[in-house]
Amino acid sequence: MRTGFLMTALLLLAAPAQAADHPRSTYVTLVLQAFAAKVECPGKDVVYQDLVQKAEQMHLPDGTTEKVRKAIAWMHTGGKMGEKQDDDLMAEVAVATQATDLNQRRLGMPSWCEAQKTNLAGLIRSKGG
């Protein structure tokens, strides 16, 4: 219950940032989905350097990938891993988490995993390949 309340509060704070369709928000969603695919989809892995290259292609500042990774880890482990980042980034992670969760539930995990092969091409790979 407490987590749901926190997520709702973060989503309300994130609404103005999302309205501008900030490129970092798009990147946060991609990174979160890539790590979700690694965890939820059998045989999938993420190559960190691929995430860094995507950030460069999107003209995001150096260090963005690491900040996003730390923010995701912090939020998804209740602060046991990663590091809390600035409020805007934490709000972007919260929005991306909720959107991904809703999408997974709507599609069902097998269909969501199948869709990620195309959606995250170049960011996720088959393990060992």
C-alpha atoms as a PDB file:
ATOM      1  CA  MET A   1       0.000   0.000   0.000  1.00  0.00           C
ATOM      2  CA  ARG A   2       2.764   2.391   0.951  1.00  0.00           C
ATOM      3  CA  THR A   3       4.617   1.687  -2.295  1.00  0.00           C
ATOM      4  CA  GLY A   4       1.451   2.300  -4.322  1.00  0.00           C
ATOM      5  CA  PHE A   5       0.925   5.619  -2.579  1.00  0.00           C
ATOM      6  CA  LEU A   6       4.545   6.626  -3.251  1.00  0.00           C
ATOM      7  CA  MET A   7       4.236   5.619  -6.902  1.00  0.00           C
ATOM      8  CA  THR A   8       1.073   7.679  -7.297  1.00  0.00           C
ATOM      9  CA  ALA A   9       2.763  10.706  -5.735  1.00  0.00           C
ATOM     10  CA  LEU A  10       5.768  10.310  -8.017  1.00  0.00           C
ATOM     11  CA  LEU A  11       3.537   9.975 -11.059  1.00  0.00           C
ATOM     12  CA  LEU A  12       1.768  13.205 -10.235  1.00  0.00           C
ATOM     13  CA  LEU A  13       5.113  14.956  -9.889  1.00  0.00           C
ATOM     14  CA  ALA A  14       6.310  13.483 -13.171  1.00  0.00           C
ATOM     15  CA  ALA A  15       3.324  14.564 -15.252  1.00  0.00           C
ATOM     16  CA  PRO A  16       4.795  17.938 -16.332  1.00  0.00           C
ATOM     17  CA  ALA A  17       8.121  16.314 -17.279  1.00  0.00           C
ATOM     18  CA  GLN A  18       6.328  13.693 -19.373  1.00  0.00           C
ATOM     19  CA  ALA A  19       4.240  16.300 -21.174  1.00  0.00           C
ATOM     20  CA  ALA A  20       7.352  17.714 -22.794  1.00  0.00           C
ATOM     21  CA  ASP A  21       8.288  14.229 -24.097  1.00  0.00           C
ATOM     22  CA  HIS A  22      11.821  14.674 -22.843  1.00  0.00           C
ATOM     23  CA  PRO A  23      14.313  12.430 -24.692  1.00  0.00           C
ATOM     24  CA  ARG A  24      15.684  11.216 -21.355  1.00  0.00           C
ATOM     25  CA  SER A  25      12.206   9.951 -20.412  1.00  0.00           C
ATOM     26  CA  THR A  26      12.136   7.881 -23.578  1.00  0.00           C
ATOM     27  CA  TYR A  27      15.605   6.552 -22.791  1.00  0.00           C
ATOM     28  CA  VAL A  28      14.640   5.732 -19.181  1.00  0.00           C
ATOM     29  CA  THR A  29      11.728   3.671 -20.490  1.00  0.00           C
ATOM     30  CA  LEU A  30      13.993   1.822 -22.934  1.00  0.00           C
ATOM     31  CA  VAL A  31      16.538   1.008 -20.219  1.00  0.00           C
ATOM     32  CA  LEU A  32      13.875  -0.082 -17.760  1.00  0.00           C
ATOM     33  CA  GLN A  33      12.245  -2.310 -20.375  1.00  0.00           C
ATOM     34  CA  ALA A  34      15.618  -3.807 -21.319  1.00  0.00           C
ATOM     35  CA  PHE A  35      16.346  -4.744 -17.711  1.00  0.00           C
ATOM     36  CA  ALA A  36      12.769  -6.017 -17.284  1.00  0.00           C
ATOM     37  CA  ALA A  37      13.249  -8.220 -20.352  1.00  0.00           C
ATOM     38  CA  LYS A  38      16.489  -9.552 -18.880  1.00  0.00           C
ATOM     39  CA  VAL A  39      14.681 -10.503 -15.671  1.00  0.00           C
ATOM     40  CA  GLU A  40      11.307 -11.597 -17.064  1.00  0.00           C
ATOM     41  CA  CYS A  41      12.040 -13.090 -20.480  1.00  0.00           C
ATOM     42  CA  PRO A  42      13.825 -16.443 -20.708  1.00  0.00           C
ATOM     43  CA  GLY A  43      17.186 -16.352 -22.445  1.00  0.00           C
ATOM     44  CA  LYS A  44      17.467 -12.557 -22.735  1.00  0.00           C
ATOM     45  CA  ASP A  45      20.344 -10.384 -21.622  1.00  0.00           C
ATOM     46  CA  VAL A  46      21.349  -6.729 -21.717  1.00  0.00           C
ATOM     47  CA  VAL A  47      24.741  -5.478 -22.859  1.00  0.00           C
ATOM     48  CA  TYR A  48      25.575  -2.319 -20.929  1.00  0.00           C
ATOM     49  CA  GLN A  49      27.651  -0.891 -23.790  1.00  0.00           C
ATOM     50  CA  ASP A  50      24.614  -1.120 -26.082  1.00  0.00           C
ATOM     51  CA  LEU A  51      22.706   1.082 -23.623  1.00  0.00           C
ATOM     52  CA  VAL A  52      25.577   3.579 -23.563  1.00  0.00           C
ATOM     53  CA  GLN A  53      25.640   3.697 -27.356  1.00  0.00           C
ATOM     54  CA  LYS A  54      21.877   4.291 -27.468  1.00  0.00           C
ATOM     55  CA  ALA A  55      22.268   7.226 -25.045  1.00  0.00           C
ATOM     56  CA  GLU A  56      24.978   8.652 -27.303  1.00  0.00           C
ATOM     57  CA  GLN A  57      22.732   8.245 -30.367  1.00  0.00           C
ATOM     58  CA  MET A  58      20.006  10.136 -28.501  1.00  0.00           C
ATOM     59  CA  HIS A  59      22.524  12.908 -27.672  1.00  0.00           C
ATOM     60  CA  LEU A  60      22.114  12.443 -23.930  1.00  0.00           C
ATOM     61  CA  PRO A  61      24.884  13.649 -21.592  1.00  0.00           C
ATOM     62  CA  ASP A  62      27.767  11.347 -20.675  1.00  0.00           C
ATOM     63  CA  GLY A  63      26.925   9.363 -17.571  1.00  0.00           C
ATOM     64  CA  THR A  64      23.191   9.172 -18.293  1.00  0.00           C
ATOM     65  CA  THR A  65      23.207   5.377 -18.576  1.00  0.00           C
ATOM     66  CA  GLU A  66      24.836   4.938 -15.181  1.00  0.00           C
ATOM     67  CA  LYS A  67      22.487   7.422 -13.511  1.00  0.00           C
ATOM     68  CA  VAL A  68      19.467   5.669 -14.997  1.00  0.00           C
ATOM     69  CA  ARG A  69      20.790   2.234 -14.002  1.00  0.00           C
ATOM     70  CA  LYS A  70      21.390   3.390 -10.431  1.00  0.00           C
ATOM     71  CA  ALA A  71      17.950   5.018 -10.212  1.00  0.00           C
ATOM     72  CA  ILE A  72      16.204   1.876 -11.475  1.00  0.00           C
ATOM     73  CA  ALA A  73      18.168  -0.331  -9.089  1.00  0.00           C
ATOM     74  CA  TRP A  74      17.437   1.972  -6.154  1.00  0.00           C
ATOM     75  CA  MET A  75      13.714   2.130  -6.862  1.00  0.00           C
ATOM     76  CA  HIS A  76      13.276  -1.564  -7.590  1.00  0.00           C
ATOM     77  CA  THR A  77      15.213  -2.758  -4.526  1.00  0.00           C
ATOM     78  CA  GLY A  78      13.739  -0.310  -2.043  1.00  0.00           C
ATOM     79  CA  GLY A  79      17.056   1.511  -1.743  1.00  0.00           C
ATOM     80  CA  LYS A  80      19.186  -1.607  -1.141  1.00  0.00           C
ATOM     81  CA  MET A  81      21.071  -1.267  -4.427  1.00  0.00           C
ATOM     82  CA  GLY A  82      21.880   1.606  -6.748  1.00  0.00           C
ATOM     83  CA  GLU A  83      21.626   5.219  -5.637  1.00  0.00           C
ATOM     84  CA  LYS A  84      18.787   7.674  -5.449  1.00  0.00           C
ATOM     85  CA  GLN A  85      19.096  10.248  -8.223  1.00  0.00           C
ATOM     86  CA  ASP A  86      17.539  13.693  -8.721  1.00  0.00           C
ATOM     87  CA  ASP A  87      13.771  13.937  -8.284  1.00  0.00           C
ATOM     88  CA  ASP A  88      13.072  14.356 -12.007  1.00  0.00           C
ATOM     89  CA  LEU A  89      14.937  11.159 -12.898  1.00  0.00           C
ATOM     90  CA  MET A  90      13.303   9.219 -10.063  1.00  0.00           C
ATOM     91  CA  ALA A  91       9.903  10.400 -11.303  1.00  0.00           C
ATOM     92  CA  GLU A  92      10.775   9.292 -14.845  1.00  0.00           C
ATOM     93  CA  VAL A  93      11.714   5.842 -13.507  1.00  0.00           C
ATOM     94  CA  ALA A  94       8.412   5.673 -11.613  1.00  0.00           C
ATOM     95  CA  VAL A  95       6.414   6.534 -14.740  1.00  0.00           C
ATOM     96  CA  ALA A  96       8.379   4.049 -16.861  1.00  0.00           C
ATOM     97  CA  THR A  97       7.874   1.361 -14.209  1.00  0.00           C
ATOM     98  CA  GLN A  98       4.131   1.878 -14.097  1.00  0.00           C
ATOM     99  CA  ALA A  99       3.784   1.995 -17.885  1.00  0.00           C
ATOM    100  CA  THR A 100       5.871  -1.174 -18.299  1.00  0.00           C
ATOM    101  CA  ASP A 101       3.955  -2.987 -15.571  1.00  0.00           C
ATOM    102  CA  LEU A 102       0.613  -2.065 -17.124  1.00  0.00           C
ATOM    103  CA  ASN A 103       1.825  -3.129 -20.562  1.00  0.00           C
ATOM    104  CA  GLN A 104       3.059  -6.467 -19.214  1.00  0.00           C
ATOM    105  CA  ARG A 105      -0.287  -7.132 -17.535  1.00  0.00           C
ATOM    106  CA  ARG A 106      -2.263  -6.042 -20.588  1.00  0.00           C
ATOM    107  CA  LEU A 107      -0.305  -8.196 -23.039  1.00  0.00           C
ATOM    108  CA  GLY A 108       0.618 -11.043 -20.726  1.00  0.00           C
ATOM    109  CA  MET A 109       4.265 -11.809 -20.091  1.00  0.00           C
ATOM    110  CA  PRO A 110       4.847 -14.213 -23.030  1.00  0.00           C
ATOM    111  CA  SER A 111       3.431 -11.690 -25.529  1.00  0.00           C
ATOM    112  CA  TRP A 112       5.257  -8.791 -23.864  1.00  0.00           C
ATOM    113  CA  CYS A 113       8.560 -10.694 -24.098  1.00  0.00           C
ATOM    114  CA  GLU A 114       7.929 -11.486 -27.748  1.00  0.00           C
ATOM    115  CA  ALA A 115       7.194  -7.814 -28.498  1.00  0.00           C
ATOM    116  CA  GLN A 116      10.432  -6.743 -26.819  1.00  0.00           C
ATOM    117  CA  LYS A 117      12.509  -8.654 -29.360  1.00  0.00           C
ATOM    118  CA  THR A 118      11.464  -6.000 -31.885  1.00  0.00           C
ATOM    119  CA  ASN A 119      10.953  -3.012 -29.570  1.00  0.00           C
ATOM    120  CA  LEU A 120      14.363  -3.396 -27.946  1.00  0.00           C
ATOM    121  CA  ALA A 121      16.345  -4.713 -30.907  1.00  0.00           C
ATOM    122  CA  GLY A 122      19.942  -3.698 -30.344  1.00  0.00           C
ATOM    123  CA  LEU A 123      19.450  -3.345 -26.576  1.00  0.00           C
ATOM    124  CA  ILE A 124      18.632  -6.946 -25.606  1.00  0.00           C
ATOM    125  CA  ARG A 125      20.227 -10.106 -26.891  1.00  0.00           C
ATOM    126  CA  SER A 126      19.949 -13.825 -26.459  1.00  0.00           C
ATOM    127  CA  LYS A 127      22.143 -14.973 -23.581  1.00  0.00           C
ATOM    128  CA  GLY A 128      25.529 -16.131 -24.770  1.00  0.00           C
ATOM    129  CA  GLY A 129      25.079 -14.449 -28.148  1.00  0.00           C
END
